[in-house]
C-alpha cells in the first residue's frame, strides 16, 4: 500500500532583502508543481502575523518528494537561499536515505498512530 507522506516546513523569509527572492522561488515552483506533478497531492503555504511561513506539502510517496525536489531544483535553490528553517515535521514513515539527506535537529518525524476511515 502506498502511504501519502506529508511534510510541514515552518520557516521565515525575513533574511534581509530576501523576501522578493522567496516570492520568485515560489512563483517558479508552484506553476510547475500544479501543471506537471500529479504526485504532489497538496502544496499550501500559510503566513502568520509574525512573518512565519508554513508550507504543507503532501506527496503520493517518498519517491514523489524526491522527484518534486529534482523537477523544481532551480526554484528550490532560490528557496533555500531565502529562508531560515525553524522546524520540519514529517508525517509518515520515511527511509533511512531520506533521514540521511534531510534529517537535522529541526526535523521531526511522526509515524501514524491512529486514524478514522470514511
Foldseek 3Di string as FASTA:
>chain_A
DFDKKKKKWWKAQVDPPLPVLLVVLCVQLVVCCVPPQVQWPDWDWDADPVRIIMIITIGRHPVSVVVSCVVSVVSVVSNVVRIDTQAMEMEADDDPVVCVVDNDPRYYYDYDDDDDDD
